[in-house]
Amino acid sequence: MPTTPGGLHHVTAIATDPQRNADFYRTALGLRLVKRTVNFDAPDTYHLYFGGESGQPGTLITFFPWPAAPRGRRGAGQTTTVAFSVPQHSLGWWQQHLDGLEVNVGTPTSRSSEETLTVADPDGLLIELVGHPEADSRAPWEEGPIPPEYAIRGLHSVTVTEIGHEHTAELLTETMGFRLVEESGARFRFATGAGGSGAMVDVLCSPEAPLGMVAAGTVHHIAWRASDDAEQVDWRNTLLDQRLDVTPVLDRRYFHSIYFREPGGVLFEIATDPPGFTVDEPLMELGRALKLPPWLEPSRAEIEQVLPTLRVPAPDEEITFTPPPAQRTR
């Protein structure tokens, strides 16, 4: 078996309005727009990447914003929550900050040793901000709009909801090398590598849950880290040996990817750490311009004509997030 995944690489979800999506994740959550490109499989829509200063693996949430997308349904066979790590004891600041922006935010709650604040993004995607006693050594985006002492450090974990958890647990532990680290009622937490923030998945067993429908406000897939191309090929061979339907290796420009569905139906990806987001623009200019892979450059004029206008502010520029009407009357 290859080395266990190093943790979460990124999470990809579906949004509607690209400008509102970009404004929310920059202003409300303080993430940097590190790449503005297109969905390589459907280049008439953006693919927006948000994360740490350099877009390092483990900090990233990405979106396909389809303006006409219907609202999705959270349910079984789906990633239902995305959690980010924040410093312990910062949730009071976050609640006040998000309330001030009229964002749909709950109140801090305790779960195991963690304090959690649940936030809904403009399309209804559930985000958790998690403060926990273990130190998170990942650096925040120092130049971002959130004071560094409160800012997001990276992905913390994801929650997948399943009608039954046993087959998913077997894949995670017997094939992918995860280990069960905590069990609380119907929630089972698995960790990979060194564990801790950024290396965990919660499997929530919910036999009564309706089947999820992937559309706006839901997660499309979650990606796990492979250190390089050779490790990814090892993973592909291992998964094929388990008779899973795995895609060929796909060039995503900033990483290479394989995709497969785990037994409960959630789409998994294994993505390489290199080459990273500075392969086609310098660190200080990440996200400023529309970047296309070489095979789409000949179609740039046609692609730019159909994409909605998206204004990307400078890192130090003040912008205002305007919540959708449904969130302004909470």
C-alpha atoms as a PDB file:
ATOM      1  CA  MET A   1       0.000   0.000   0.000  1.00  0.00           C
ATOM      2  CA  PRO A   2       1.303   3.535  -0.708  1.00  0.00           C
ATOM      3  CA  THR A   3       2.068   5.952   2.092  1.00  0.00           C
ATOM      4  CA  THR A   4      -1.152   7.136   3.739  1.00  0.00           C
ATOM      5  CA  PRO A   5      -2.487  10.471   2.439  1.00  0.00           C
ATOM      6  CA  GLY A   6      -0.852  13.474   4.062  1.00  0.00           C
ATOM      7  CA  GLY A   7      -4.257  14.965   4.861  1.00  0.00           C
ATOM      8  CA  LEU A   8      -6.837  17.019   3.034  1.00  0.00           C
ATOM      9  CA  HIS A   9      -5.642  18.737  -0.139  1.00  0.00           C
ATOM     10  CA  HIS A  10      -8.784  20.731  -0.981  1.00  0.00           C
ATOM     11  CA  VAL A  11     -12.579  20.700  -0.993  1.00  0.00           C
ATOM     12  CA  THR A  12     -14.551  21.681  -4.103  1.00  0.00           C
ATOM     13  CA  ALA A  13     -18.129  22.946  -3.887  1.00  0.00           C
ATOM     14  CA  ILE A  14     -20.750  24.573  -6.108  1.00  0.00           C
ATOM     15  CA  ALA A  15     -21.863  28.198  -5.883  1.00  0.00           C
ATOM     16  CA  THR A  16     -24.037  30.535  -7.950  1.00  0.00           C
ATOM     17  CA  ASP A  17     -22.850  34.168  -8.135  1.00  0.00           C
ATOM     18  CA  PRO A  18     -19.034  34.273  -8.566  1.00  0.00           C
ATOM     19  CA  GLN A  19     -18.681  37.846  -7.276  1.00  0.00           C
ATOM     20  CA  ARG A  20     -20.674  37.193  -4.122  1.00  0.00           C
ATOM     21  CA  ASN A  21     -18.756  33.944  -3.605  1.00  0.00           C
ATOM     22  CA  ALA A  22     -15.401  35.723  -3.924  1.00  0.00           C
ATOM     23  CA  ASP A  23     -16.446  38.607  -1.672  1.00  0.00           C
ATOM     24  CA  PHE A  24     -17.709  36.249   1.052  1.00  0.00           C
ATOM     25  CA  TYR A  25     -14.673  34.008   1.247  1.00  0.00           C
ATOM     26  CA  ARG A  26     -12.288  36.970   1.220  1.00  0.00           C
ATOM     27  CA  THR A  27     -14.180  39.405   3.464  1.00  0.00           C
ATOM     28  CA  ALA A  28     -16.142  37.135   5.794  1.00  0.00           C
ATOM     29  CA  LEU A  29     -13.652  34.272   6.146  1.00  0.00           C
ATOM     30  CA  GLY A  30     -10.435  36.049   5.205  1.00  0.00           C
ATOM     31  CA  LEU A  31      -9.171  33.536   2.643  1.00  0.00           C
ATOM     32  CA  ARG A  32      -7.049  34.624  -0.308  1.00  0.00           C
ATOM     33  CA  LEU A  33      -8.277  34.124  -3.866  1.00  0.00           C
ATOM     34  CA  VAL A  34      -5.163  32.297  -5.047  1.00  0.00           C
ATOM     35  CA  LYS A  35      -6.310  31.271  -8.509  1.00  0.00           C
ATOM     36  CA  ARG A  36      -8.931  32.488 -10.942  1.00  0.00           C
ATOM     37  CA  THR A  37      -9.268  29.945 -13.705  1.00  0.00           C
ATOM     38  CA  VAL A  38     -12.045  27.898 -15.340  1.00  0.00           C
ATOM     39  CA  ASN A  39     -13.499  24.449 -14.910  1.00  0.00           C
ATOM     40  CA  PHE A  40     -11.253  22.543 -17.310  1.00  0.00           C
ATOM     41  CA  ASP A  41     -14.130  20.162 -18.117  1.00  0.00           C
ATOM     42  CA  ALA A  42     -16.646  22.989 -18.670  1.00  0.00           C
ATOM     43  CA  PRO A  43     -14.675  26.174 -19.445  1.00  0.00           C
ATOM     44  CA  ASP A  44     -17.752  28.381 -19.635  1.00  0.00           C
ATOM     45  CA  THR A  45     -17.659  28.616 -15.826  1.00  0.00           C
ATOM     46  CA  TYR A  46     -15.040  29.806 -13.375  1.00  0.00           C
ATOM     47  CA  HIS A  47     -13.039  27.640 -11.020  1.00  0.00           C
ATOM     48  CA  LEU A  48     -12.125  29.813  -8.032  1.00  0.00           C
ATOM     49  CA  TYR A  49      -9.540  28.696  -5.462  1.00  0.00           C
ATOM     50  CA  PHE A  50      -9.383  30.195  -1.954  1.00  0.00           C
ATOM     51  CA  GLY A  51      -6.786  29.364   0.681  1.00  0.00           C
ATOM     52  CA  GLY A  52      -3.656  30.449   2.485  1.00  0.00           C
ATOM     53  CA  GLU A  53      -1.190  32.983   1.148  1.00  0.00           C
ATOM     54  CA  SER A  54       0.326  30.617  -1.421  1.00  0.00           C
ATOM     55  CA  GLY A  55      -2.640  28.258  -1.737  1.00  0.00           C
ATOM     56  CA  GLN A  56      -0.733  25.528   0.042  1.00  0.00           C
ATOM     57  CA  PRO A  57      -2.403  22.081   0.070  1.00  0.00           C
ATOM     58  CA  GLY A  58      -4.605  21.642   3.110  1.00  0.00           C
ATOM     59  CA  THR A  59      -5.841  25.251   3.149  1.00  0.00           C
ATOM     60  CA  LEU A  60      -7.979  25.221   0.022  1.00  0.00           C
ATOM     61  CA  ILE A  61     -11.673  25.427  -0.723  1.00  0.00           C
ATOM     62  CA  THR A  62     -12.600  25.815  -4.394  1.00  0.00           C
ATOM     63  CA  PHE A  63     -15.813  26.587  -6.245  1.00  0.00           C
ATOM     64  CA  PHE A  64     -17.543  26.086  -9.552  1.00  0.00           C
ATOM     65  CA  PRO A  65     -19.947  29.074  -9.632  1.00  0.00           C
ATOM     66  CA  TRP A  66     -22.873  28.340 -11.955  1.00  0.00           C
ATOM     67  CA  PRO A  67     -25.274  31.337 -11.818  1.00  0.00           C
ATOM     68  CA  ALA A  68     -28.279  29.250 -12.863  1.00  0.00           C
ATOM     69  CA  ALA A  69     -27.571  26.269 -10.593  1.00  0.00           C
ATOM     70  CA  PRO A  70     -30.531  25.090  -8.485  1.00  0.00           C
ATOM     71  CA  ARG A  71     -30.152  24.777  -4.728  1.00  0.00           C
ATOM     72  CA  GLY A  72     -28.706  21.405  -3.748  1.00  0.00           C
ATOM     73  CA  ARG A  73     -29.844  19.125  -0.937  1.00  0.00           C
ATOM     74  CA  ARG A  74     -27.615  17.974   1.910  1.00  0.00           C
ATOM     75  CA  GLY A  75     -27.987  14.288   2.611  1.00  0.00           C
ATOM     76  CA  ALA A  76     -26.548  10.817   2.505  1.00  0.00           C
ATOM     77  CA  GLY A  77     -23.734  10.000   0.128  1.00  0.00           C
ATOM     78  CA  GLN A  78     -22.388  13.525   0.398  1.00  0.00           C
ATOM     79  CA  THR A  79     -19.858  15.717   2.170  1.00  0.00           C
ATOM     80  CA  THR A  80     -22.183  17.793   4.326  1.00  0.00           C
ATOM     81  CA  THR A  81     -19.836  20.068   6.318  1.00  0.00           C
ATOM     82  CA  VAL A  82     -16.428  21.656   5.727  1.00  0.00           C
ATOM     83  CA  ALA A  83     -14.487  22.685   8.851  1.00  0.00           C
ATOM     84  CA  PHE A  84     -11.639  25.195   9.095  1.00  0.00           C
ATOM     85  CA  SER A  85      -9.140  25.493  11.929  1.00  0.00           C
ATOM     86  CA  VAL A  86      -8.983  28.766  13.889  1.00  0.00           C
ATOM     87  CA  PRO A  87      -7.084  29.598  17.089  1.00  0.00           C
ATOM     88  CA  GLN A  88      -8.607  28.370  20.321  1.00  0.00           C
ATOM     89  CA  HIS A  89     -10.762  30.966  22.123  1.00  0.00           C
ATOM     90  CA  SER A  90     -11.270  32.988  18.896  1.00  0.00           C
ATOM     91  CA  LEU A  91     -14.879  31.977  18.219  1.00  0.00           C
ATOM     92  CA  GLY A  92     -16.358  34.900  20.137  1.00  0.00           C
ATOM     93  CA  TRP A  93     -14.469  37.285  17.859  1.00  0.00           C
ATOM     94  CA  TRP A  94     -15.617  35.344  14.799  1.00  0.00           C
ATOM     95  CA  GLN A  95     -19.272  35.418  15.866  1.00  0.00           C
ATOM     96  CA  GLN A  96     -19.139  39.181  16.352  1.00  0.00           C
ATOM     97  CA  HIS A  97     -17.327  39.685  13.040  1.00  0.00           C
ATOM     98  CA  LEU A  98     -19.818  37.578  11.070  1.00  0.00           C
ATOM     99  CA  ASP A  99     -22.830  39.095  12.828  1.00  0.00           C
ATOM    100  CA  GLY A 100     -21.546  42.492  11.777  1.00  0.00           C
ATOM    101  CA  LEU A 101     -21.616  41.351   8.148  1.00  0.00           C
ATOM    102  CA  GLU A 102     -25.151  39.935   8.583  1.00  0.00           C
ATOM    103  CA  VAL A 103     -23.894  36.456   7.788  1.00  0.00           C
ATOM    104  CA  ASN A 104     -26.004  33.473   8.850  1.00  0.00           C
ATOM    105  CA  VAL A 105     -23.977  32.318  11.879  1.00  0.00           C
ATOM    106  CA  GLY A 106     -24.848  30.232  14.916  1.00  0.00           C
ATOM    107  CA  THR A 107     -23.445  30.334  18.440  1.00  0.00           C
ATOM    108  CA  PRO A 108     -20.344  28.465  19.646  1.00  0.00           C
ATOM    109  CA  THR A 109     -21.022  24.886  20.717  1.00  0.00           C
ATOM    110  CA  SER A 110     -18.829  22.173  22.217  1.00  0.00           C
ATOM    111  CA  ARG A 111     -18.176  18.827  20.563  1.00  0.00           C
ATOM    112  CA  SER A 112     -15.666  16.563  22.222  1.00  0.00           C
ATOM    113  CA  SER A 113     -12.599  18.735  22.975  1.00  0.00           C
ATOM    114  CA  GLU A 114     -13.458  21.289  20.290  1.00  0.00           C
ATOM    115  CA  GLU A 115     -15.424  24.505  20.158  1.00  0.00           C
ATOM    116  CA  THR A 116     -17.357  24.903  16.914  1.00  0.00           C
ATOM    117  CA  LEU A 117     -19.102  27.818  15.214  1.00  0.00           C
ATOM    118  CA  THR A 118     -21.360  26.992  12.253  1.00  0.00           C
ATOM    119  CA  VAL A 119     -21.647  29.441   9.363  1.00  0.00           C
ATOM    120  CA  ALA A 120     -23.720  29.260   6.172  1.00  0.00           C
ATOM    121  CA  ASP A 121     -22.171  30.772   3.061  1.00  0.00           C
ATOM    122  CA  PRO A 122     -24.372  32.760   0.601  1.00  0.00           C
ATOM    123  CA  ASP A 123     -25.446  29.542  -1.158  1.00  0.00           C
ATOM    124  CA  GLY A 124     -26.138  27.630   2.051  1.00  0.00           C
ATOM    125  CA  LEU A 125     -22.923  25.598   2.241  1.00  0.00           C
ATOM    126  CA  LEU A 126     -22.273  24.703   5.878  1.00  0.00           C
ATOM    127  CA  ILE A 127     -18.886  25.837   7.165  1.00  0.00           C
ATOM    128  CA  GLU A 128     -17.587  25.133  10.661  1.00  0.00           C
ATOM    129  CA  LEU A 129     -14.898  27.193  12.365  1.00  0.00           C
ATOM    130  CA  VAL A 130     -13.197  24.952  14.903  1.00  0.00           C
ATOM    131  CA  GLY A 131     -11.120  26.111  17.850  1.00  0.00           C
ATOM    132  CA  HIS A 132      -9.267  23.243  19.503  1.00  0.00           C
ATOM    133  CA  PRO A 133      -6.605  22.815  22.178  1.00  0.00           C
ATOM    134  CA  GLU A 134      -3.974  21.387  19.821  1.00  0.00           C
ATOM    135  CA  ALA A 135      -1.718  24.069  18.347  1.00  0.00           C
ATOM    136  CA  ASP A 136      -2.024  24.517  14.572  1.00  0.00           C
ATOM    137  CA  SER A 137       1.402  25.474  13.258  1.00  0.00           C
ATOM    138  CA  ARG A 138       0.145  26.584   9.831  1.00  0.00           C
ATOM    139  CA  ALA A 139       0.642  30.286   9.267  1.00  0.00           C
ATOM    140  CA  PRO A 140      -2.366  32.529   8.519  1.00  0.00           C
ATOM    141  CA  TRP A 141      -2.507  34.930   5.583  1.00  0.00           C
ATOM    142  CA  GLU A 142      -0.704  37.794   7.279  1.00  0.00           C
ATOM    143  CA  GLU A 143      -1.806  40.397   4.715  1.00  0.00           C
ATOM    144  CA  GLY A 144      -5.456  39.340   4.728  1.00  0.00           C
ATOM    145  CA  PRO A 145      -8.457  41.219   6.125  1.00  0.00           C
ATOM    146  CA  ILE A 146      -8.679  39.105   9.314  1.00  0.00           C
ATOM    147  CA  PRO A 147      -6.237  39.905  12.163  1.00  0.00           C
ATOM    148  CA  PRO A 148      -3.637  37.100  12.210  1.00  0.00           C
ATOM    149  CA  GLU A 149      -4.394  36.192  15.828  1.00  0.00           C
ATOM    150  CA  TYR A 150      -7.905  35.117  14.748  1.00  0.00           C
ATOM    151  CA  ALA A 151      -7.383  34.078  11.124  1.00  0.00           C
ATOM    152  CA  ILE A 152      -8.063  30.680   9.581  1.00  0.00           C
ATOM    153  CA  ARG A 153      -5.065  28.347   9.534  1.00  0.00           C
ATOM    154  CA  GLY A 154      -6.402  25.845   7.005  1.00  0.00           C
ATOM    155  CA  LEU A 155      -8.850  23.011   6.627  1.00  0.00           C
ATOM    156  CA  HIS A 156      -9.602  21.174   9.849  1.00  0.00           C
ATOM    157  CA  SER A 157     -11.807  18.267   8.735  1.00  0.00           C
ATOM    158  CA  VAL A 158     -14.792  17.286   6.632  1.00  0.00           C
ATOM    159  CA  THR A 159     -17.985  15.450   7.565  1.00  0.00           C
ATOM    160  CA  VAL A 160     -19.441  12.865   5.204  1.00  0.00           C
ATOM    161  CA  THR A 161     -22.972  11.631   5.849  1.00  0.00           C
ATOM    162  CA  GLU A 162     -23.743   7.994   5.082  1.00  0.00           C
ATOM    163  CA  ILE A 163     -26.789   5.737   5.355  1.00  0.00           C
ATOM    164  CA  GLY A 164     -24.416   3.105   6.743  1.00  0.00           C
ATOM    165  CA  HIS A 165     -20.812   3.746   7.739  1.00  0.00           C
ATOM    166  CA  GLU A 166     -19.268   0.268   7.738  1.00  0.00           C
ATOM    167  CA  HIS A 167     -18.118   0.019   4.114  1.00  0.00           C
ATOM    168  CA  THR A 168     -16.793   3.573   4.110  1.00  0.00           C
ATOM    169  CA  ALA A 169     -14.906   2.851   7.335  1.00  0.00           C
ATOM    170  CA  GLU A 170     -13.440  -0.292   5.785  1.00  0.00           C
ATOM    171  CA  LEU A 171     -12.165   1.636   2.761  1.00  0.00           C
ATOM    172  CA  LEU A 172     -10.641   4.327   4.965  1.00  0.00           C
ATOM    173  CA  THR A 173      -8.889   1.927   7.338  1.00  0.00           C
ATOM    174  CA  GLU A 174      -8.121  -1.173   5.272  1.00  0.00           C
ATOM    175  CA  THR A 175      -7.283   0.461   1.934  1.00  0.00           C
ATOM    176  CA  MET A 176      -6.334   4.096   2.610  1.00  0.00           C
ATOM    177  CA  GLY A 177      -4.538   3.632   5.925  1.00  0.00           C
ATOM    178  CA  PHE A 178      -6.697   5.892   8.092  1.00  0.00           C
ATOM    179  CA  ARG A 179      -7.268   4.983  11.727  1.00  0.00           C
ATOM    180  CA  LEU A 180     -10.341   5.423  13.930  1.00  0.00           C
ATOM    181  CA  VAL A 181      -9.425   8.010  16.560  1.00  0.00           C
ATOM    182  CA  GLU A 182     -12.775   8.897  18.118  1.00  0.00           C
ATOM    183  CA  GLU A 183     -16.339   7.599  18.264  1.00  0.00           C
ATOM    184  CA  SER A 184     -19.262   9.598  19.613  1.00  0.00           C
ATOM    185  CA  GLY A 185     -22.743   8.231  19.004  1.00  0.00           C
ATOM    186  CA  ALA A 186     -23.254   7.982  15.255  1.00  0.00           C
ATOM    187  CA  ARG A 187     -20.125  10.070  14.472  1.00  0.00           C
ATOM    188  CA  PHE A 188     -16.856   8.268  13.718  1.00  0.00           C
ATOM    189  CA  ARG A 189     -13.656  10.282  13.309  1.00  0.00           C
ATOM    190  CA  PHE A 190     -10.806   8.922  11.204  1.00  0.00           C
ATOM    191  CA  ALA A 191      -7.330  10.424  10.876  1.00  0.00           C
ATOM    192  CA  THR A 192      -4.503   9.952   8.417  1.00  0.00           C
ATOM    193  CA  GLY A 193      -0.768  10.550   8.649  1.00  0.00           C
ATOM    194  CA  ALA A 194       0.214  12.396  11.815  1.00  0.00           C
ATOM    195  CA  GLY A 195      -3.461  13.226  12.411  1.00  0.00           C
ATOM    196  CA  GLY A 196      -4.673  16.466  13.900  1.00  0.00           C
ATOM    197  CA  SER A 197      -6.147  19.466  12.142  1.00  0.00           C
ATOM    198  CA  GLY A 198      -6.245  19.067   8.368  1.00  0.00           C
ATOM    199  CA  ALA A 199      -5.960  15.273   8.418  1.00  0.00           C
ATOM    200  CA  MET A 200      -9.384  14.124   9.597  1.00  0.00           C
ATOM    201  CA  VAL A 201     -12.733  13.001   8.245  1.00  0.00           C
ATOM    202  CA  ASP A 202     -15.873  12.463  10.305  1.00  0.00           C
ATOM    203  CA  VAL A 203     -18.247   9.766   9.058  1.00  0.00           C
ATOM    204  CA  LEU A 204     -21.764  10.491  10.282  1.00  0.00           C
ATOM    205  CA  CYS A 205     -24.039   7.454  10.143  1.00  0.00           C
ATOM    206  CA  SER A 206     -27.564   8.692   9.387  1.00  0.00           C
ATOM    207  CA  PRO A 207     -29.863   5.918   8.060  1.00  0.00           C
ATOM    208  CA  GLU A 208     -32.844   8.289   7.977  1.00  0.00           C
ATOM    209  CA  ALA A 209     -31.123  10.965   5.885  1.00  0.00           C
ATOM    210  CA  PRO A 210     -32.454  11.605   2.385  1.00  0.00           C
ATOM    211  CA  LEU A 211     -30.063  11.116  -0.481  1.00  0.00           C
ATOM    212  CA  GLY A 212     -28.077  14.267  -1.117  1.00  0.00           C
ATOM    213  CA  MET A 213     -28.294  16.166  -4.388  1.00  0.00           C
ATOM    214  CA  VAL A 214     -25.146  17.924  -5.561  1.00  0.00           C
ATOM    215  CA  ALA A 215     -25.956  21.456  -6.753  1.00  0.00           C
ATOM    216  CA  ALA A 216     -25.515  24.993  -5.390  1.00  0.00           C
ATOM    217  CA  GLY A 217     -24.555  25.091  -1.738  1.00  0.00           C
ATOM    218  CA  THR A 218     -23.174  21.549  -1.621  1.00  0.00           C
ATOM    219  CA  VAL A 219     -19.772  19.893  -1.905  1.00  0.00           C
ATOM    220  CA  HIS A 220     -18.825  18.331  -5.235  1.00  0.00           C
ATOM    221  CA  HIS A 221     -15.784  16.373  -4.000  1.00  0.00           C
ATOM    222  CA  ILE A 222     -13.022  16.221  -1.410  1.00  0.00           C
ATOM    223  CA  ALA A 223      -9.362  15.712  -2.261  1.00  0.00           C
ATOM    224  CA  TRP A 224      -6.625  13.961  -0.289  1.00  0.00           C
ATOM    225  CA  ARG A 225      -2.905  14.690  -0.613  1.00  0.00           C
ATOM    226  CA  ALA A 226      -0.297  12.665  -2.486  1.00  0.00           C
ATOM    227  CA  SER A 227       3.266  13.920  -2.153  1.00  0.00           C
ATOM    228  CA  ASP A 228       4.180  13.397  -5.814  1.00  0.00           C
ATOM    229  CA  ASP A 229       3.188  11.732  -9.094  1.00  0.00           C
ATOM    230  CA  ALA A 230       4.763   8.379  -8.219  1.00  0.00           C
ATOM    231  CA  GLU A 231       2.765   8.132  -4.997  1.00  0.00           C
ATOM    232  CA  GLN A 232      -0.403   9.005  -6.892  1.00  0.00           C
ATOM    233  CA  VAL A 233       0.206   6.227  -9.426  1.00  0.00           C
ATOM    234  CA  ASP A 234       0.698   3.807  -6.522  1.00  0.00           C
ATOM    235  CA  TRP A 235      -2.665   4.932  -5.153  1.00  0.00           C
ATOM    236  CA  ARG A 236      -4.352   4.421  -8.494  1.00  0.00           C
ATOM    237  CA  ASN A 237      -3.006   0.879  -8.738  1.00  0.00           C
ATOM    238  CA  THR A 238      -4.036   0.102  -5.163  1.00  0.00           C
ATOM    239  CA  LEU A 239      -7.580   1.368  -5.751  1.00  0.00           C
ATOM    240  CA  LEU A 240      -7.874  -0.555  -9.018  1.00  0.00           C
ATOM    241  CA  ASP A 241      -6.787  -3.697  -7.161  1.00  0.00           C
ATOM    242  CA  GLN A 242      -9.795  -3.078  -4.887  1.00  0.00           C
ATOM    243  CA  ARG A 243     -11.998  -3.002  -8.007  1.00  0.00           C
ATOM    244  CA  LEU A 244     -12.856   0.654  -7.564  1.00  0.00           C
ATOM    245  CA  ASP A 245     -13.652   2.693 -10.662  1.00  0.00           C
ATOM    246  CA  VAL A 246     -10.741   5.153 -10.768  1.00  0.00           C
ATOM    247  CA  THR A 247     -10.175   7.774 -13.454  1.00  0.00           C
ATOM    248  CA  PRO A 248      -6.898   8.082 -15.341  1.00  0.00           C
ATOM    249  CA  VAL A 249      -4.484  10.695 -14.009  1.00  0.00           C
ATOM    250  CA  LEU A 250      -5.798  14.123 -15.053  1.00  0.00           C
ATOM    251  CA  ASP A 251      -3.699  17.262 -15.432  1.00  0.00           C
ATOM    252  CA  ARG A 252      -5.270  20.034 -13.354  1.00  0.00           C
ATOM    253  CA  ARG A 253      -2.323  22.376 -14.076  1.00  0.00           C
ATOM    254  CA  TYR A 254      -1.647  23.114 -10.378  1.00  0.00           C
ATOM    255  CA  PHE A 255      -1.764  19.443  -9.357  1.00  0.00           C
ATOM    256  CA  HIS A 256      -2.542  16.063 -10.900  1.00  0.00           C
ATOM    257  CA  SER A 257      -5.705  14.214  -9.940  1.00  0.00           C
ATOM    258  CA  ILE A 258      -7.451  10.867  -9.834  1.00  0.00           C
ATOM    259  CA  TYR A 259     -11.099  10.473  -8.815  1.00  0.00           C
ATOM    260  CA  PHE A 260     -13.209   7.626  -7.450  1.00  0.00           C
ATOM    261  CA  ARG A 261     -16.349   7.159  -5.364  1.00  0.00           C
ATOM    262  CA  GLU A 262     -16.152   5.623  -1.933  1.00  0.00           C
ATOM    263  CA  PRO A 263     -18.776   2.936  -1.116  1.00  0.00           C
ATOM    264  CA  GLY A 264     -21.295   5.446   0.255  1.00  0.00           C
ATOM    265  CA  GLY A 265     -21.183   7.551  -2.899  1.00  0.00           C
ATOM    266  CA  VAL A 266     -18.970  10.504  -1.892  1.00  0.00           C
ATOM    267  CA  LEU A 267     -16.590  11.563  -4.674  1.00  0.00           C
ATOM    268  CA  PHE A 268     -12.969  11.353  -3.519  1.00  0.00           C
ATOM    269  CA  GLU A 269      -9.939  12.780  -5.285  1.00  0.00           C
ATOM    270  CA  ILE A 270      -6.252  12.151  -4.670  1.00  0.00           C
ATOM    271  CA  ALA A 271      -4.277  15.235  -5.739  1.00  0.00           C
ATOM    272  CA  THR A 272      -0.538  15.826  -5.836  1.00  0.00           C
ATOM    273  CA  ASP A 273       1.069  18.590  -3.794  1.00  0.00           C
ATOM    274  CA  PRO A 274       3.157  19.930  -6.715  1.00  0.00           C
ATOM    275  CA  PRO A 275       3.460  21.926  -8.865  1.00  0.00           C
ATOM    276  CA  GLY A 276       1.374  24.514  -6.974  1.00  0.00           C
ATOM    277  CA  PHE A 277      -0.192  27.858  -7.864  1.00  0.00           C
ATOM    278  CA  THR A 278       2.934  29.845  -8.654  1.00  0.00           C
ATOM    279  CA  VAL A 279       3.531  27.767 -11.784  1.00  0.00           C
ATOM    280  CA  ASP A 280       1.860  30.430 -13.952  1.00  0.00           C
ATOM    281  CA  GLU A 281       1.903  33.659 -11.885  1.00  0.00           C
ATOM    282  CA  PRO A 282       4.096  35.046  -9.085  1.00  0.00           C
ATOM    283  CA  LEU A 283       3.126  34.756  -5.434  1.00  0.00           C
ATOM    284  CA  MET A 284       2.276  38.442  -5.022  1.00  0.00           C
ATOM    285  CA  GLU A 285      -0.100  38.385  -8.013  1.00  0.00           C
ATOM    286  CA  LEU A 286      -1.997  35.161  -7.314  1.00  0.00           C
ATOM    287  CA  GLY A 287      -5.659  35.360  -8.309  1.00  0.00           C
ATOM    288  CA  ARG A 288      -5.383  38.708 -10.050  1.00  0.00           C
ATOM    289  CA  ALA A 289      -5.767  37.525 -13.654  1.00  0.00           C
ATOM    290  CA  LEU A 290      -7.724  34.815 -15.431  1.00  0.00           C
ATOM    291  CA  LYS A 291      -5.313  31.944 -15.970  1.00  0.00           C
ATOM    292  CA  LEU A 292      -5.963  29.237 -18.549  1.00  0.00           C
ATOM    293  CA  PRO A 293      -4.078  25.994 -19.150  1.00  0.00           C
ATOM    294  CA  PRO A 294      -2.091  25.845 -22.402  1.00  0.00           C
ATOM    295  CA  TRP A 295      -4.708  23.721 -24.149  1.00  0.00           C
ATOM    296  CA  LEU A 296      -7.416  26.360 -23.538  1.00  0.00           C
ATOM    297  CA  GLU A 297      -5.353  29.468 -24.366  1.00  0.00           C
ATOM    298  CA  PRO A 298      -6.363  29.374 -28.082  1.00  0.00           C
ATOM    299  CA  SER A 299      -9.991  29.796 -26.915  1.00  0.00           C
ATOM    300  CA  ARG A 300      -9.322  32.658 -24.471  1.00  0.00           C
ATOM    301  CA  ALA A 301     -11.377  35.275 -26.347  1.00  0.00           C
ATOM    302  CA  GLU A 302     -14.448  33.033 -26.513  1.00  0.00           C
ATOM    303  CA  ILE A 303     -14.085  31.972 -22.870  1.00  0.00           C
ATOM    304  CA  GLU A 304     -13.717  35.529 -21.582  1.00  0.00           C
ATOM    305  CA  GLN A 305     -16.787  36.587 -23.543  1.00  0.00           C
ATOM    306  CA  VAL A 306     -19.097  34.117 -21.753  1.00  0.00           C
ATOM    307  CA  LEU A 307     -17.704  34.396 -18.226  1.00  0.00           C
ATOM    308  CA  PRO A 308     -19.416  36.856 -15.846  1.00  0.00           C
ATOM    309  CA  THR A 309     -17.456  39.902 -14.771  1.00  0.00           C
ATOM    310  CA  LEU A 310     -15.438  39.215 -11.625  1.00  0.00           C
ATOM    311  CA  ARG A 311     -13.684  42.036  -9.817  1.00  0.00           C
ATOM    312  CA  VAL A 312     -10.710  40.889  -7.753  1.00  0.00           C
ATOM    313  CA  PRO A 313      -9.611  43.447  -5.136  1.00  0.00           C
ATOM    314  CA  ALA A 314      -5.993  44.032  -4.192  1.00  0.00           C
ATOM    315  CA  PRO A 315      -4.944  42.278  -0.950  1.00  0.00           C
ATOM    316  CA  ASP A 316      -5.052  45.500   1.083  1.00  0.00           C
ATOM    317  CA  GLU A 317      -8.223  46.893  -0.482  1.00  0.00           C
ATOM    318  CA  GLU A 318     -11.321  47.344   1.659  1.00  0.00           C
ATOM    319  CA  ILE A 319     -14.413  45.658   0.227  1.00  0.00           C
ATOM    320  CA  THR A 320     -17.913  45.104   1.560  1.00  0.00           C
ATOM    321  CA  PHE A 321     -19.698  41.780   1.522  1.00  0.00           C
ATOM    322  CA  THR A 322     -23.412  42.123   0.731  1.00  0.00           C
ATOM    323  CA  PRO A 323     -25.359  39.061   1.921  1.00  0.00           C
ATOM    324  CA  PRO A 324     -28.201  37.744  -0.253  1.00  0.00           C
ATOM    325  CA  PRO A 325     -31.720  38.941   0.721  1.00  0.00           C
ATOM    326  CA  ALA A 326     -32.600  35.639   2.397  1.00  0.00           C
ATOM    327  CA  GLN A 327     -29.691  36.121   4.824  1.00  0.00           C
ATOM    328  CA  ARG A 328     -30.216  39.817   5.513  1.00  0.00           C
ATOM    329  CA  THR A 329     -33.496  39.119   7.331  1.00  0.00           C
ATOM    330  CA  ARG A 330     -32.387  36.544   9.858  1.00  0.00           C
END
